[in-house]
Amino acid sequence: EEDYNALAEVSEYAAWTLANGYSLNHTTISVHNLSETNEIDDLVAALEGQGFRLNSSGGVVKVSPDGGLLQISTLADTFPFHFEGKGGGSEGEAVTIPGPYIEFAQRLVLPEHAHLPASEIQEHHRRDGFEAGNADKIFESTMGLAK
């Protein structure tokens, strides 16, 4: 546990990986590809209505500076984890740590393609890439820092 806490001071992601190993940290679902709820604000309402806890660090909906990328994420569920005792001995006390979370991203149609009918919009017509500022806030979904 001491190693986990010391590592978390340097890199929260590294500490998460130490405890969770090769487990999936998160997956991202493209909101604009959903058949029913393909607008992020509607998805927020639906998820909150079902009792999902959403990451509100930096606002529930994280918006890129250009406004073309909208992101939300659930808060990771936590689970008890038993760190090995000192000197490789028996299990230590159970500590609650975060598991994976789900991210949702809506990539808006780029302005130069806004004239296209909805039926003709393809992925290459949408905003591409990620935003470091959004990613930092999204990752807080696993660290218990998000409200």
Protein backbone atom coordinates (compact mmCIF):
# COMPACT_ATOMS: atom_id res chain seq x y z
CA GLU A 1 0.00 0.00 0.00
CA GLU A 2 2.89 2.37 0.75
CA ASP A 3 4.24 1.86 -2.79
CA TYR A 4 0.78 2.50 -4.26
CA ASN A 5 0.40 5.76 -2.32
CA ALA A 6 3.95 6.91 -3.13
CA LEU A 7 3.43 6.14 -6.82
CA ALA A 8 0.07 7.96 -6.81
CA GLU A 9 1.89 11.11 -5.68
CA VAL A 10 3.98 10.95 -8.86
CA SER A 11 1.46 9.46 -11.32
CA GLU A 12 -2.14 8.58 -10.55
CA TYR A 13 -2.31 6.51 -13.72
CA ALA A 14 0.80 4.53 -12.78
CA ALA A 15 -0.69 3.78 -9.34
CA TRP A 16 -3.95 2.71 -10.98
CA THR A 17 -1.98 0.39 -13.29
CA LEU A 18 0.02 -1.03 -10.38
CA ALA A 19 -3.17 -2.17 -8.68
CA ASN A 20 -5.31 -3.01 -11.73
CA GLY A 21 -2.63 -4.47 -13.97
CA TYR A 22 -3.61 -4.95 -17.58
CA SER A 23 -7.30 -4.34 -16.89
CA LEU A 24 -9.21 -1.92 -19.05
CA ASN A 25 -8.95 1.61 -17.62
CA HIS A 26 -11.83 2.98 -19.67
CA THR A 27 -13.66 2.69 -22.93
CA THR A 28 -15.09 5.52 -24.98
CA ILE A 29 -18.49 5.41 -26.62
CA SER A 30 -19.22 7.79 -29.52
CA VAL A 31 -22.43 9.54 -28.53
CA HIS A 32 -23.13 10.73 -32.07
CA ASN A 33 -23.28 7.07 -33.19
CA LEU A 34 -25.93 6.01 -30.66
CA SER A 35 -29.30 5.25 -32.21
CA GLU A 36 -31.56 6.75 -29.53
CA THR A 37 -29.69 9.31 -27.43
CA ASN A 38 -27.13 10.93 -29.72
CA GLU A 39 -26.82 14.34 -28.03
CA ILE A 40 -24.61 14.60 -24.97
CA ASP A 41 -27.02 16.68 -22.87
CA ASP A 42 -29.78 14.10 -23.41
CA LEU A 43 -27.34 11.34 -22.44
CA VAL A 44 -26.39 13.19 -19.24
CA ALA A 45 -30.07 13.41 -18.28
CA ALA A 46 -30.65 9.73 -19.09
CA LEU A 47 -27.59 8.51 -17.16
CA GLU A 48 -28.30 10.68 -14.13
CA GLY A 49 -31.95 9.58 -14.28
CA GLN A 50 -30.76 5.97 -13.97
CA GLY A 51 -28.58 6.81 -10.97
CA PHE A 52 -25.16 6.82 -12.65
CA ARG A 53 -22.62 9.06 -10.94
CA LEU A 54 -20.93 11.37 -13.44
CA ASN A 55 -17.56 13.09 -13.14
CA SER A 56 -18.23 16.79 -12.53
CA SER A 57 -14.60 17.89 -12.27
CA GLY A 58 -14.35 20.82 -14.69
CA GLY A 59 -18.13 20.56 -15.29
CA VAL A 60 -20.13 17.47 -16.16
CA VAL A 61 -19.71 18.14 -19.89
CA LYS A 62 -16.11 18.87 -20.85
CA VAL A 63 -15.96 21.05 -23.97
CA SER A 64 -12.90 21.49 -26.18
CA PRO A 65 -11.73 25.08 -26.79
CA ASP A 66 -13.13 24.93 -30.34
CA GLY A 67 -16.48 23.57 -29.06
CA GLY A 68 -16.34 20.58 -31.39
CA LEU A 69 -15.62 17.85 -28.82
CA LEU A 70 -17.99 17.23 -25.91
CA GLN A 71 -17.10 14.60 -23.31
CA ILE A 72 -18.57 13.12 -20.14
CA SER A 73 -17.59 10.15 -18.01
CA THR A 74 -18.97 8.01 -15.25
CA LEU A 75 -17.17 7.84 -11.94
CA ALA A 76 -15.28 4.59 -11.49
CA ASP A 77 -16.74 2.07 -9.09
CA THR A 78 -14.39 1.22 -6.27
CA PHE A 79 -13.48 -2.17 -4.88
CA PRO A 80 -11.48 -3.54 -1.96
CA PHE A 81 -7.92 -4.42 -2.87
CA HIS A 82 -5.54 -6.39 -0.67
CA PHE A 83 -1.94 -5.29 -0.97
CA GLU A 84 0.70 -7.84 -0.12
CA GLY A 85 2.03 -7.50 3.41
CA LYS A 86 5.48 -6.13 4.17
CA GLY A 87 8.29 -8.48 3.21
CA GLY A 88 6.04 -10.47 0.85
CA GLY A 89 3.98 -11.86 3.70
CA SER A 90 0.25 -12.36 3.99
CA GLU A 91 -2.30 -9.94 2.65
CA GLY A 92 -2.45 -6.55 4.26
CA GLU A 93 -5.58 -4.62 5.13
CA ALA A 94 -8.10 -4.09 2.32
CA VAL A 95 -7.89 -0.65 0.75
CA THR A 96 -10.61 0.79 -1.48
CA ILE A 97 -9.27 1.66 -4.94
CA PRO A 98 -10.94 2.72 -8.20
CA GLY A 99 -11.67 0.43 -11.12
CA PRO A 100 -12.52 1.36 -14.72
CA TYR A 101 -15.00 3.96 -15.97
CA ILE A 102 -16.91 4.76 -19.17
CA GLU A 103 -16.27 7.87 -21.26
CA PHE A 104 -18.74 9.26 -23.78
CA ALA A 105 -17.62 11.61 -26.57
CA GLN A 106 -19.70 13.58 -29.03
CA ARG A 107 -17.75 14.84 -32.00
CA LEU A 108 -19.62 17.63 -33.74
CA VAL A 109 -19.70 18.15 -37.48
CA LEU A 110 -16.94 20.50 -38.63
CA PRO A 111 -18.17 23.93 -39.82
CA GLU A 112 -17.05 23.29 -43.41
CA HIS A 113 -19.38 20.26 -43.53
CA ALA A 114 -22.37 21.84 -41.75
CA HIS A 115 -24.26 22.08 -45.06
CA LEU A 116 -24.36 18.30 -45.50
CA PRO A 117 -27.61 16.44 -44.80
CA ALA A 118 -27.43 14.29 -41.65
CA SER A 119 -27.70 11.13 -43.75
CA GLU A 120 -24.41 11.99 -45.51
CA ILE A 121 -22.33 12.80 -42.42
CA GLN A 122 -19.42 10.40 -41.89
CA GLU A 123 -16.69 10.25 -39.24
CA HIS A 124 -14.24 12.28 -41.34
CA HIS A 125 -16.76 15.16 -41.35
CA ARG A 126 -16.55 15.38 -37.55
CA ARG A 127 -14.08 16.97 -35.14
CA ASP A 128 -11.10 14.65 -34.64
CA GLY A 129 -8.50 14.24 -31.89
CA PHE A 130 -8.51 14.72 -28.14
CA GLU A 131 -7.91 17.60 -25.74
CA ALA A 132 -5.31 17.27 -23.00
CA GLY A 133 -7.31 19.57 -20.69
CA ASN A 134 -10.41 17.41 -21.07
CA ALA A 135 -8.39 14.22 -20.64
CA ASP A 136 -6.95 15.42 -17.33
CA LYS A 137 -10.44 16.06 -15.96
CA ILE A 138 -11.84 12.82 -17.42
CA PHE A 139 -9.08 10.75 -15.81
CA GLU A 140 -10.16 12.07 -12.42
CA SER A 141 -13.04 9.60 -12.85
CA THR A 142 -10.74 6.95 -11.36
CA MET A 143 -9.07 8.95 -8.65
CA GLY A 144 -11.88 9.89 -6.30
CA LEU A 145 -11.12 13.55 -6.99
CA ALA A 146 -14.22 14.09 -9.10
CA LYS A 147 -17.44 15.01 -7.35
